[in-house]
PDB file of all heavy atoms in Angstrom:
ATOM      1  N   LEU A   1      65.432 109.950  87.076  1.00  0.00           N
ATOM      2  CA  LEU A   1      65.698 108.506  87.297  1.00  0.00           C
ATOM      3  C   LEU A   1      65.048 107.973  88.542  1.00  0.00           C
ATOM      4  O   LEU A   1      65.660 108.264  89.657  1.00  0.00           O
ATOM      5  CB  LEU A   1      67.217 108.196  87.212  1.00  0.00           C
ATOM      6  CG  LEU A   1      67.844 108.530  85.879  1.00  0.00           C
ATOM      7  CD1 LEU A   1      69.240 108.530  85.988  1.00  0.00           C
ATOM      8  CD2 LEU A   1      67.314 107.730  84.713  1.00  0.00           C
ATOM      9  N   GLU A   2      64.059 107.337  88.429  1.00  0.00           N
ATOM     10  CA  GLU A   2      63.344 106.851  89.714  1.00  0.00           C
ATOM     11  C   GLU A   2      62.225 105.755  89.325  1.00  0.00           C
ATOM     12  O   GLU A   2      61.817 105.567  88.160  1.00  0.00           O
ATOM     13  CB  GLU A   2      62.615 107.911  90.417  1.00  0.00           C
ATOM     14  CG  GLU A   2      61.489 108.708  89.534  1.00  0.00           C
ATOM     15  CD  GLU A   2      60.871 109.831  90.158  1.00  0.00           C
ATOM     16  OE1 GLU A   2      61.205 110.218  91.363  1.00  0.00           O
ATOM     17  OE2 GLU A   2      59.984 110.448  89.406  1.00  0.00           O
ATOM     18  N   ASP A   3      61.929 104.877  90.299  1.00  0.00           N
ATOM     19  CA  ASP A   3      60.837 103.888  90.378  1.00  0.00           C
ATOM     20  C   ASP A   3      60.502 103.401  89.026  1.00  0.00           C
ATOM     21  O   ASP A   3      61.341 102.710  88.308  1.00  0.00           O
ATOM     22  CB  ASP A   3      59.580 104.730  90.897  1.00  0.00           C
ATOM     23  CG  ASP A   3      58.591 103.767  91.340  1.00  0.00           C
ATOM     24  OD1 ASP A   3      58.886 102.482  91.741  1.00  0.00           O
ATOM     25  OD2 ASP A   3      57.369 104.040  91.370  1.00  0.00           O
ATOM     26  N   LYS A   4      59.324 103.612  88.445  1.00  0.00           N
ATOM     27  CA  LYS A   4      58.847 102.960  87.218  1.00  0.00           C
ATOM     28  C   LYS A   4      59.029 103.787  86.020  1.00  0.00           C
ATOM     29  O   LYS A   4      58.578 103.440  84.887  1.00  0.00           O
ATOM     30  CB  LYS A   4      57.422 102.667  87.373  1.00  0.00           C
ATOM     31  CG  LYS A   4      57.084 101.663  88.532  1.00  0.00           C
ATOM     32  CD  LYS A   4      55.608 101.237  88.571  1.00  0.00           C
ATOM     33  CE  LYS A   4      55.386 100.335  89.692  1.00  0.00           C
ATOM     34  NZ  LYS A   4      53.933  99.959  89.894  1.00  0.00           N
ATOM     35  N   ARG A   5      59.646 104.866  86.142  1.00  0.00           N
ATOM     36  CA  ARG A   5      60.037 105.839  84.966  1.00  0.00           C
ATOM     37  C   ARG A   5      60.983 105.180  84.087  1.00  0.00           C
ATOM     38  O   ARG A   5      62.100 104.606  84.586  1.00  0.00           O
ATOM     39  CB  ARG A   5      60.493 107.172  85.366  1.00  0.00           C
ATOM     40  CG  ARG A   5      60.623 108.131  84.354  1.00  0.00           C
ATOM     41  CD  ARG A   5      61.233 109.507  84.892  1.00  0.00           C
ATOM     42  NE  ARG A   5      60.371 110.042  85.898  1.00  0.00           N
ATOM     43  CZ  ARG A   5      59.438 110.964  85.587  1.00  0.00           C
ATOM     44  NH1 ARG A   5      59.361 111.489  84.333  1.00  0.00           N
ATOM     45  NH2 ARG A   5      58.768 111.518  86.709  1.00  0.00           N
ATOM     46  N   VAL A   6      60.705 104.982  82.777  1.00  0.00           N
ATOM     47  CA  VAL A   6      61.594 104.280  81.888  1.00  0.00           C
ATOM     48  C   VAL A   6      62.309 105.295  80.857  1.00  0.00           C
ATOM     49  O   VAL A   6      61.660 106.026  80.283  1.00  0.00           O
ATOM     50  CB  VAL A   6      60.827 103.204  81.037  1.00  0.00           C
ATOM     51  CG1 VAL A   6      61.772 102.465  80.070  1.00  0.00           C
ATOM     52  CG2 VAL A   6      60.216 102.229  81.866  1.00  0.00           C
ATOM     53  N   ASN A   7      63.549 105.227  80.847  1.00  0.00           N
ATOM     54  CA  ASN A   7      64.375 105.939  79.859  1.00  0.00           C
ATOM     55  C   ASN A   7      65.271 105.054  79.023  1.00  0.00           C
ATOM     56  O   ASN A   7      65.670 103.900  79.422  1.00  0.00           O
ATOM     57  CB  ASN A   7      65.313 106.977  80.652  1.00  0.00           C
ATOM     58  CG  ASN A   7      64.466 107.749  81.620  1.00  0.00           C
ATOM     59  OD1 ASN A   7      63.765 108.722  81.107  1.00  0.00           O
ATOM     60  ND2 ASN A   7      64.680 107.621  82.910  1.00  0.00           N
ATOM     61  N   PHE A   8      65.630 105.596  77.843  1.00  0.00           N
ATOM     62  CA  PHE A   8      66.501 104.666  76.959  1.00  0.00           C
ATOM     63  C   PHE A   8      67.832 105.491  76.731  1.00  0.00           C
ATOM     64  O   PHE A   8      67.733 106.708  76.609  1.00  0.00           O
ATOM     65  CB  PHE A   8      65.727 104.501  75.575  1.00  0.00           C
ATOM     66  CG  PHE A   8      64.696 103.548  75.690  1.00  0.00           C
ATOM     67  CD1 PHE A   8      63.327 104.015  75.825  1.00  0.00           C
ATOM     68  CD2 PHE A   8      64.819 102.230  75.784  1.00  0.00           C
ATOM     69  CE1 PHE A   8      62.229 103.103  76.063  1.00  0.00           C
ATOM     70  CE2 PHE A   8      63.753 101.285  75.813  1.00  0.00           C
ATOM     71  CZ  PHE A   8      62.550 101.685  75.999  1.00  0.00           C
ATOM     72  N   SER A   9      68.874 104.691  76.571  1.00  0.00           N
ATOM     73  CA  SER A   9      70.143 105.305  76.580  1.00  0.00           C
ATOM     74  C   SER A   9      70.892 104.825  75.303  1.00  0.00           C
ATOM     75  O   SER A   9      70.599 103.662  74.864  1.00  0.00           O
ATOM     76  CB  SER A   9      71.082 104.973  77.726  1.00  0.00           C
ATOM     77  OG  SER A   9      72.417 105.272  77.532  1.00  0.00           O
ATOM     78  N   MET A  10      71.934 105.498  74.827  1.00  0.00           N
ATOM     79  CA  MET A  10      72.894 104.950  73.871  1.00  0.00           C
ATOM     80  C   MET A  10      73.669 103.891  74.572  1.00  0.00           C
ATOM     81  O   MET A  10      73.812 103.950  75.765  1.00  0.00           O
ATOM     82  CB  MET A  10      73.768 105.984  73.237  1.00  0.00           C
ATOM     83  CG  MET A  10      73.021 107.227  72.624  1.00  0.00           C
ATOM     84  SD  MET A  10      72.545 106.857  70.937  1.00  0.00           S
ATOM     85  CE  MET A  10      74.035 107.284  69.892  1.00  0.00           C
ATOM     86  N   GLN A  11      74.255 102.990  73.809  1.00  0.00           N
ATOM     87  CA  GLN A  11      75.139 102.005  74.355  1.00  0.00           C
ATOM     88  C   GLN A  11      76.631 102.759  74.369  1.00  0.00           C
ATOM     89  O   GLN A  11      76.714 103.808  74.028  1.00  0.00           O
ATOM     90  CB  GLN A  11      75.176 100.791  73.574  1.00  0.00           C
ATOM     91  CG  GLN A  11      75.666 100.743  72.057  1.00  0.00           C
ATOM     92  CD  GLN A  11      77.066 100.297  71.923  1.00  0.00           C
ATOM     93  OE1 GLN A  11      77.417  99.248  72.339  1.00  0.00           O
ATOM     94  NE2 GLN A  11      77.942 101.212  71.331  1.00  0.00           N
ATOM     95  N   GLY A  12      77.589 101.971  74.807  1.00  0.00           N
ATOM     96  CA  GLY A  12      78.893 102.567  74.823  1.00  0.00           C
ATOM     97  C   GLY A  12      80.016 101.648  74.574  1.00  0.00           C
ATOM     98  O   GLY A  12      79.945 100.375  74.648  1.00  0.00           O
ATOM     99  N   THR A  13      81.239 102.314  74.416  1.00  0.00           N
ATOM    100  CA  THR A  13      82.560 101.708  74.427  1.00  0.00           C
ATOM    101  C   THR A  13      82.874 100.849  73.120  1.00  0.00           C
ATOM    102  O   THR A  13      83.738  99.950  73.221  1.00  0.00           O
ATOM    103  CB  THR A  13      82.903 100.922  75.732  1.00  0.00           C
ATOM    104  OG1 THR A  13      82.044  99.748  75.848  1.00  0.00           O
ATOM    105  CG2 THR A  13      82.763 101.824  76.847  1.00  0.00           C
ATOM    106  N   SER A  14      82.172 100.818  72.104  1.00  0.00           N
ATOM    107  CA  SER A  14      82.483 100.158  70.859  1.00  0.00           C
ATOM    108  C   SER A  14      83.771 100.687  70.383  1.00  0.00           C
ATOM    109  O   SER A  14      84.150 101.850  70.402  1.00  0.00           O
ATOM    110  CB  SER A  14      81.350 100.257  69.798  1.00  0.00           C
ATOM    111  OG  SER A  14      80.292  99.609  70.185  1.00  0.00           O
ATOM    112  N   VAL A  15      84.593  99.754  69.792  1.00  0.00           N
ATOM    113  CA  VAL A  15      85.870 100.223  69.153  1.00  0.00           C
ATOM    114  C   VAL A  15      86.033 100.227  67.666  1.00  0.00           C
ATOM    115  O   VAL A  15      86.953 100.488  67.044  1.00  0.00           O
ATOM    116  CB  VAL A  15      87.121  99.381  69.727  1.00  0.00           C
ATOM    117  CG1 VAL A  15      87.212  99.574  71.185  1.00  0.00           C
ATOM    118  CG2 VAL A  15      86.893  97.927  69.505  1.00  0.00           C
ATOM    119  N   HIS A  16      84.883  99.749  67.068  1.00  0.00           N
ATOM    120  CA  HIS A  16      84.795  99.678  65.626  1.00  0.00           C
ATOM    121  C   HIS A  16      83.334 100.314  65.223  1.00  0.00           C
ATOM    122  O   HIS A  16      82.455 100.262  66.001  1.00  0.00           O
ATOM    123  CB  HIS A  16      84.804  98.286  65.050  1.00  0.00           C
ATOM    124  CG  HIS A  16      86.277  97.671  65.135  1.00  0.00           C
ATOM    125  ND1 HIS A  16      86.479  96.864  66.235  1.00  0.00           N
ATOM    126  CD2 HIS A  16      87.402  97.832  64.441  1.00  0.00           C
ATOM    127  CE1 HIS A  16      87.784  96.424  66.170  1.00  0.00           C
ATOM    128  NE2 HIS A  16      88.235  97.039  65.154  1.00  0.00           N
ATOM    129  N   VAL A  17      83.336 100.878  63.928  1.00  0.00           N
ATOM    130  CA  VAL A  17      82.035 101.188  63.429  1.00  0.00           C
ATOM    131  C   VAL A  17      82.082 100.610  61.938  1.00  0.00           C
ATOM    132  O   VAL A  17      83.047 100.336  61.363  1.00  0.00           O
ATOM    133  CB  VAL A  17      81.910 102.789  63.189  1.00  0.00           C
ATOM    134  CG1 VAL A  17      81.911 103.378  64.606  1.00  0.00           C
ATOM    135  CG2 VAL A  17      83.147 103.333  62.365  1.00  0.00           C
ATOM    136  N   LEU A  18      80.751 100.515  61.436  1.00  0.00           N
ATOM    137  CA  LEU A  18      80.642 100.087  60.094  1.00  0.00           C
ATOM    138  C   LEU A  18      80.441 101.269  59.237  1.00  0.00           C
ATOM    139  O   LEU A  18      79.441 102.187  59.449  1.00  0.00           O
ATOM    140  CB  LEU A  18      79.284  99.314  59.904  1.00  0.00           C
ATOM    141  CG  LEU A  18      78.909  98.753  58.533  1.00  0.00           C
ATOM    142  CD1 LEU A  18      80.117  97.757  58.013  1.00  0.00           C
ATOM    143  CD2 LEU A  18      77.672  98.099  58.461  1.00  0.00           C
ATOM    144  N   ASP A  19      81.485 101.714  58.417  1.00  0.00           N
ATOM    145  CA  ASP A  19      81.507 102.878  57.738  1.00  0.00           C
ATOM    146  C   ASP A  19      80.428 102.883  56.603  1.00  0.00           C
ATOM    147  O   ASP A  19      80.380 101.938  55.793  1.00  0.00           O
ATOM    148  CB  ASP A  19      82.868 103.011  57.075  1.00  0.00           C
ATOM    149  CG  ASP A  19      83.084 104.419  56.435  1.00  0.00           C
ATOM    150  OD1 ASP A  19      82.332 104.892  55.555  1.00  0.00           O
ATOM    151  OD2 ASP A  19      83.954 105.228  56.914  1.00  0.00           O
ATOM    152  N   LEU A  20      79.545 103.953  56.653  1.00  0.00           N
ATOM    153  CA  LEU A  20      78.425 103.953  55.726  1.00  0.00           C
ATOM    154  C   LEU A  20      78.825 104.195  54.349  1.00  0.00           C
ATOM    155  O   LEU A  20      78.134 103.910  53.301  1.00  0.00           O
ATOM    156  CB  LEU A  20      77.374 104.954  56.214  1.00  0.00           C
ATOM    157  CG  LEU A  20      76.737 104.680  57.532  1.00  0.00           C
ATOM    158  CD1 LEU A  20      75.764 105.841  57.884  1.00  0.00           C
ATOM    159  CD2 LEU A  20      75.939 103.441  57.462  1.00  0.00           C
ATOM    160  N   GLU A  21      79.945 104.899  54.179  1.00  0.00           N
ATOM    161  CA  GLU A  21      80.526 105.150  52.774  1.00  0.00           C
ATOM    162  C   GLU A  21      81.148 103.932  52.060  1.00  0.00           C
ATOM    163  O   GLU A  21      80.914 103.613  50.904  1.00  0.00           O
ATOM    164  CB  GLU A  21      81.451 106.447  52.827  1.00  0.00           C
ATOM    165  CG  GLU A  21      80.666 107.689  53.249  1.00  0.00           C
ATOM    166  CD  GLU A  21      81.584 108.892  53.248  1.00  0.00           C
ATOM    167  OE1 GLU A  21      82.771 108.730  52.789  1.00  0.00           O
ATOM    168  OE2 GLU A  21      81.153 109.902  53.671  1.00  0.00           O
ATOM    169  N   THR A  22      82.006 103.239  52.806  1.00  0.00           N
ATOM    170  CA  THR A  22      82.806 102.219  52.229  1.00  0.00           C
ATOM    171  C   THR A  22      81.987 100.812  52.478  1.00  0.00           C
ATOM    172  O   THR A  22      82.418  99.846  51.816  1.00  0.00           O
ATOM    173  CB  THR A  22      84.162 102.034  52.916  1.00  0.00           C
ATOM    174  OG1 THR A  22      84.009 101.839  54.216  1.00  0.00           O
ATOM    175  CG2 THR A  22      84.852 103.495  52.639  1.00  0.00           C
ATOM    176  N   GLY A  23      81.181 100.668  53.449  1.00  0.00           N
ATOM    177  CA  GLY A  23      80.549  99.505  53.936  1.00  0.00           C
ATOM    178  C   GLY A  23      81.490  98.513  54.637  1.00  0.00           C
ATOM    179  O   GLY A  23      81.198  97.372  54.781  1.00  0.00           O
ATOM    180  N   LYS A  24      82.643  99.059  54.970  1.00  0.00           N
ATOM    181  CA  LYS A  24      83.548  98.160  55.759  1.00  0.00           C
ATOM    182  C   LYS A  24      83.704  98.609  57.078  1.00  0.00           C
ATOM    183  O   LYS A  24      83.444  99.874  57.502  1.00  0.00           O
ATOM    184  CB  LYS A  24      84.911  98.219  54.984  1.00  0.00           C
ATOM    185  CG  LYS A  24      84.916  97.764  53.583  1.00  0.00           C
ATOM    186  CD  LYS A  24      86.313  97.883  52.967  1.00  0.00           C
ATOM    187  CE  LYS A  24      86.407  97.404  51.541  1.00  0.00           C
ATOM    188  NZ  LYS A  24      87.651  97.429  50.945  1.00  0.00           N
ATOM    189  N   ARG A  25      84.139  97.693  57.910  1.00  0.00           N
ATOM    190  CA  ARG A  25      84.489  97.960  59.362  1.00  0.00           C
ATOM    191  C   ARG A  25      85.754  98.541  59.514  1.00  0.00           C
ATOM    192  O   ARG A  25      86.711  98.277  58.888  1.00  0.00           O
ATOM    193  CB  ARG A  25      84.372  96.572  60.112  1.00  0.00           C
ATOM    194  CG  ARG A  25      84.400  96.844  61.653  1.00  0.00           C
ATOM    195  CD  ARG A  25      84.482  95.556  62.477  1.00  0.00           C
ATOM    196  NE  ARG A  25      85.819  95.026  62.495  1.00  0.00           N
ATOM    197  CZ  ARG A  25      86.249  94.195  63.377  1.00  0.00           C
ATOM    198  NH1 ARG A  25      85.490  93.693  64.339  1.00  0.00           N
ATOM    199  NH2 ARG A  25      87.476  93.718  63.324  1.00  0.00           N
ATOM    200  N   ARG A  26      85.773  99.684  60.351  1.00  0.00           N
ATOM    201  CA  ARG A  26      86.995 100.321  60.631  1.00  0.00           C
ATOM    202  C   ARG A  26      87.068 100.835  62.131  1.00  0.00           C
ATOM    203  O   ARG A  26      86.141 100.737  62.919  1.00  0.00           O
ATOM    204  CB  ARG A  26      87.238 101.624  59.741  1.00  0.00           C
ATOM    205  CG  ARG A  26      85.970 102.584  59.892  1.00  0.00           C
ATOM    206  CD  ARG A  26      86.259 103.977  59.248  1.00  0.00           C
ATOM    207  NE  ARG A  26      85.153 104.831  59.316  1.00  0.00           N
ATOM    208  CZ  ARG A  26      84.735 105.436  60.374  1.00  0.00           C
ATOM    209  NH1 ARG A  26      85.480 105.411  61.454  1.00  0.00           N
ATOM    210  NH2 ARG A  26      83.721 106.302  60.207  1.00  0.00           N
ATOM    211  N   ALA A  27      88.328 101.182  62.497  1.00  0.00           N
ATOM    212  CA  ALA A  27      88.503 101.826  63.900  1.00  0.00           C
ATOM    213  C   ALA A  27      87.608 102.925  64.205  1.00  0.00           C
ATOM    214  O   ALA A  27      87.483 103.886  63.201  1.00  0.00           O
ATOM    215  CB  ALA A  27      89.932 102.075  64.182  1.00  0.00           C
ATOM    216  N   SER A  28      86.989 103.133  65.312  1.00  0.00           N
ATOM    217  CA  SER A  28      86.125 104.366  65.635  1.00  0.00           C
ATOM    218  C   SER A  28      87.030 105.612  65.790  1.00  0.00           C
ATOM    219  O   SER A  28      88.218 105.416  66.238  1.00  0.00           O
ATOM    220  CB  SER A  28      85.332 104.069  66.781  1.00  0.00           C
ATOM    221  OG  SER A  28      85.999 103.584  67.870  1.00  0.00           O
ATOM    222  N   THR A  29      86.457 106.661  65.588  1.00  0.00           N
ATOM    223  CA  THR A  29      87.198 107.937  65.674  1.00  0.00           C
ATOM    224  C   THR A  29      86.473 108.969  66.514  1.00  0.00           C
ATOM    225  O   THR A  29      85.390 108.759  66.786  1.00  0.00           O
ATOM    226  CB  THR A  29      87.411 108.564  64.139  1.00  0.00           C
ATOM    227  OG1 THR A  29      86.138 108.925  63.719  1.00  0.00           O
ATOM    228  CG2 THR A  29      88.120 107.563  63.261  1.00  0.00           C
ATOM    229  N   LEU A  30      87.079 110.085  66.797  1.00  0.00           N
ATOM    230  CA  LEU A  30      86.544 111.251  67.549  1.00  0.00           C
ATOM    231  C   LEU A  30      85.265 111.684  66.657  1.00  0.00           C
ATOM    232  O   LEU A  30      84.261 112.111  67.312  1.00  0.00           O
ATOM    233  CB  LEU A  30      87.514 112.350  67.808  1.00  0.00           C
ATOM    234  CG  LEU A  30      86.991 113.541  68.655  1.00  0.00           C
ATOM    235  CD1 LEU A  30      86.510 113.033  69.987  1.00  0.00           C
ATOM    236  CD2 LEU A  30      88.101 114.516  68.774  1.00  0.00           C
ATOM    237  N   LYS A  31      85.511 111.913  65.509  1.00  0.00           N
ATOM    238  CA  LYS A  31      84.289 112.283  64.543  1.00  0.00           C
ATOM    239  C   LYS A  31      83.107 111.419  64.715  1.00  0.00           C
ATOM    240  O   LYS A  31      81.933 111.890  64.830  1.00  0.00           O
ATOM    241  CB  LYS A  31      84.747 112.353  63.112  1.00  0.00           C
ATOM    242  CG  LYS A  31      83.759 112.990  62.145  1.00  0.00           C
ATOM    243  CD  LYS A  31      83.603 114.478  62.608  1.00  0.00           C
ATOM    244  CE  LYS A  31      82.620 115.162  61.532  1.00  0.00           C
ATOM    245  NZ  LYS A  31      82.221 116.563  61.888  1.00  0.00           N
ATOM    246  N   ASP A  32      83.295 110.169  64.823  1.00  0.00           N
ATOM    247  CA  ASP A  32      82.206 109.175  65.000  1.00  0.00           C
ATOM    248  C   ASP A  32      81.526 109.527  66.364  1.00  0.00           C
ATOM    249  O   ASP A  32      80.334 109.543  66.377  1.00  0.00           O
ATOM    250  CB  ASP A  32      82.736 107.813  65.085  1.00  0.00           C
ATOM    251  CG  ASP A  32      83.237 107.307  63.601  1.00  0.00           C
ATOM    252  OD1 ASP A  32      82.711 107.676  62.667  1.00  0.00           O
ATOM    253  OD2 ASP A  32      84.219 106.546  63.659  1.00  0.00           O
ATOM    254  N   SER A  33      82.275 109.790  67.444  1.00  0.00           N
ATOM    255  CA  SER A  33      81.757 110.086  68.737  1.00  0.00           C
ATOM    256  C   SER A  33      80.819 111.449  68.629  1.00  0.00           C
ATOM    257  O   SER A  33      79.849 111.419  69.157  1.00  0.00           O
ATOM    258  CB  SER A  33      82.892 110.295  69.634  1.00  0.00           C
ATOM    259  OG  SER A  33      82.358 110.529  71.061  1.00  0.00           O
ATOM    260  N   GLU A  34      81.371 112.379  67.937  1.00  0.00           N
ATOM    261  CA  GLU A  34      80.648 113.537  67.737  1.00  0.00           C
ATOM    262  C   GLU A  34      79.308 113.362  67.019  1.00  0.00           C
ATOM    263  O   GLU A  34      78.252 113.876  67.389  1.00  0.00           O
ATOM    264  CB  GLU A  34      81.440 114.647  66.912  1.00  0.00           C
ATOM    265  CG  GLU A  34      82.685 115.124  67.742  1.00  0.00           C
ATOM    266  CD  GLU A  34      83.633 115.907  66.713  1.00  0.00           C
ATOM    267  OE1 GLU A  34      83.406 116.048  65.550  1.00  0.00           O
ATOM    268  OE2 GLU A  34      84.619 116.560  67.319  1.00  0.00           O
ATOM    269  N   ASN A  35      79.368 112.535  65.929  1.00  0.00           N
ATOM    270  CA  ASN A  35      78.213 112.317  65.124  1.00  0.00           C
ATOM    271  C   ASN A  35      77.180 111.427  65.905  1.00  0.00           C
ATOM    272  O   ASN A  35      75.964 111.632  65.819  1.00  0.00           O
ATOM    273  CB  ASN A  35      78.555 111.468  63.863  1.00  0.00           C
ATOM    274  CG  ASN A  35      79.174 112.385  62.735  1.00  0.00           C
ATOM    275  OD1 ASN A  35      79.085 113.527  62.879  1.00  0.00           O
ATOM    276  ND2 ASN A  35      80.006 111.728  61.863  1.00  0.00           N
ATOM    277  N   PHE A  36      77.563 110.522  66.677  1.00  0.00           N
ATOM    278  CA  PHE A  36      76.553 109.743  67.428  1.00  0.00           C
ATOM    279  C   PHE A  36      75.943 110.619  68.613  1.00  0.00           C
ATOM    280  O   PHE A  36      74.879 110.513  68.848  1.00  0.00           O
ATOM    281  CB  PHE A  36      77.329 108.668  68.184  1.00  0.00           C
ATOM    282  CG  PHE A  36      77.424 107.353  67.321  1.00  0.00           C
ATOM    283  CD1 PHE A  36      78.695 106.857  66.945  1.00  0.00           C
ATOM    284  CD2 PHE A  36      76.349 106.709  66.853  1.00  0.00           C
ATOM    285  CE1 PHE A  36      78.834 105.680  66.090  1.00  0.00           C
ATOM    286  CE2 PHE A  36      76.272 105.597  66.062  1.00  0.00           C
ATOM    287  CZ  PHE A  36      77.687 105.133  65.663  1.00  0.00           C
ATOM    288  N   CYS A  37      76.784 111.565  69.199  1.00  0.00           N
ATOM    289  CA  CYS A  37      76.070 112.642  70.064  1.00  0.00           C
ATOM    290  C   CYS A  37      75.047 113.382  69.429  1.00  0.00           C
ATOM    291  O   CYS A  37      73.942 113.611  69.986  1.00  0.00           O
ATOM    292  CB  CYS A  37      77.149 113.406  70.744  1.00  0.00           C
ATOM    293  SG  CYS A  37      78.186 112.612  71.942  1.00  0.00           S
ATOM    294  N   ARG A  38      75.363 113.858  68.147  1.00  0.00           N
ATOM    295  CA  ARG A  38      74.419 114.647  67.393  1.00  0.00           C
ATOM    296  C   ARG A  38      73.089 113.786  67.113  1.00  0.00           C
ATOM    297  O   ARG A  38      72.048 114.306  67.020  1.00  0.00           O
ATOM    298  CB  ARG A  38      74.960 115.206  66.159  1.00  0.00           C
ATOM    299  CG  ARG A  38      76.101 116.188  66.358  1.00  0.00           C
ATOM    300  CD  ARG A  38      76.882 116.577  65.195  1.00  0.00           C
ATOM    301  NE  ARG A  38      76.016 117.061  64.046  1.00  0.00           N
ATOM    302  CZ  ARG A  38      76.323 117.248  62.773  1.00  0.00           C
ATOM    303  NH1 ARG A  38      77.514 116.794  62.467  1.00  0.00           N
ATOM    304  NH2 ARG A  38      75.568 117.818  61.996  1.00  0.00           N
ATOM    305  N   LEU A  39      73.314 112.508  66.807  1.00  0.00           N
ATOM    306  CA  LEU A  39      72.345 111.630  66.439  1.00  0.00           C
ATOM    307  C   LEU A  39      71.391 111.420  67.699  1.00  0.00           C
ATOM    308  O   LEU A  39      70.119 111.523  67.590  1.00  0.00           O
ATOM    309  CB  LEU A  39      72.815 110.297  65.986  1.00  0.00           C
ATOM    310  CG  LEU A  39      71.823 109.164  65.727  1.00  0.00           C
ATOM    311  CD1 LEU A  39      70.877 109.566  64.546  1.00  0.00           C
ATOM    312  CD2 LEU A  39      72.459 107.760  65.413  1.00  0.00           C
ATOM    313  N   ALA A  40      72.024 111.169  68.839  1.00  0.00           N
ATOM    314  CA  ALA A  40      71.216 111.048  70.175  1.00  0.00           C
ATOM    315  C   ALA A  40      70.495 112.328  70.386  1.00  0.00           C
ATOM    316  O   ALA A  40      69.337 112.191  70.873  1.00  0.00           O
ATOM    317  CB  ALA A  40      72.194 110.682  71.302  1.00  0.00           C
ATOM    318  N   ASP A  41      70.923 113.397  70.118  1.00  0.00           N
ATOM    319  CA  ASP A  41      70.418 114.674  70.465  1.00  0.00           C
ATOM    320  C   ASP A  41      69.108 114.753  69.556  1.00  0.00           C
ATOM    321  O   ASP A  41      68.047 115.400  70.034  1.00  0.00           O
ATOM    322  CB  ASP A  41      71.308 115.923  70.027  1.00  0.00           C
ATOM    323  CG  ASP A  41      70.882 117.112  70.782  1.00  0.00           C
ATOM    324  OD1 ASP A  41      70.963 117.129  72.015  1.00  0.00           O
ATOM    325  OD2 ASP A  41      70.537 118.050  70.137  1.00  0.00           O
ATOM    326  N   ALA A  42      69.104 114.216  68.372  1.00  0.00           N
ATOM    327  CA  ALA A  42      68.044 114.439  67.398  1.00  0.00           C
ATOM    328  C   ALA A  42      66.886 113.395  67.672  1.00  0.00           C
ATOM    329  O   ALA A  42      65.773 113.576  67.211  1.00  0.00           O
ATOM    330  CB  ALA A  42      68.470 114.370  65.999  1.00  0.00           C
ATOM    331  N   LEU A  43      67.306 112.214  68.360  1.00  0.00           N
ATOM    332  CA  LEU A  43      66.178 111.169  68.481  1.00  0.00           C
ATOM    333  C   LEU A  43      65.386 111.357  69.739  1.00  0.00           C
ATOM    334  O   LEU A  43      65.934 111.312  70.998  1.00  0.00           O
ATOM    335  CB  LEU A  43      66.964 109.806  68.538  1.00  0.00           C
ATOM    336  CG  LEU A  43      67.710 109.435  67.300  1.00  0.00           C
ATOM    337  CD1 LEU A  43      68.495 108.066  67.412  1.00  0.00           C
ATOM    338  CD2 LEU A  43      66.743 109.192  66.043  1.00  0.00           C
TER     339      LEU A  43
END
């Protein structure tokens, strides 16, 4: 992290997710946190 070097980050602290199976909004869970970390790792 320095000068003109550009990096991109995940955002943070959301308290809801849009469930891909039901299509409905629900409270976020630890499993969601794990999945988002795995997603970030792959991108």
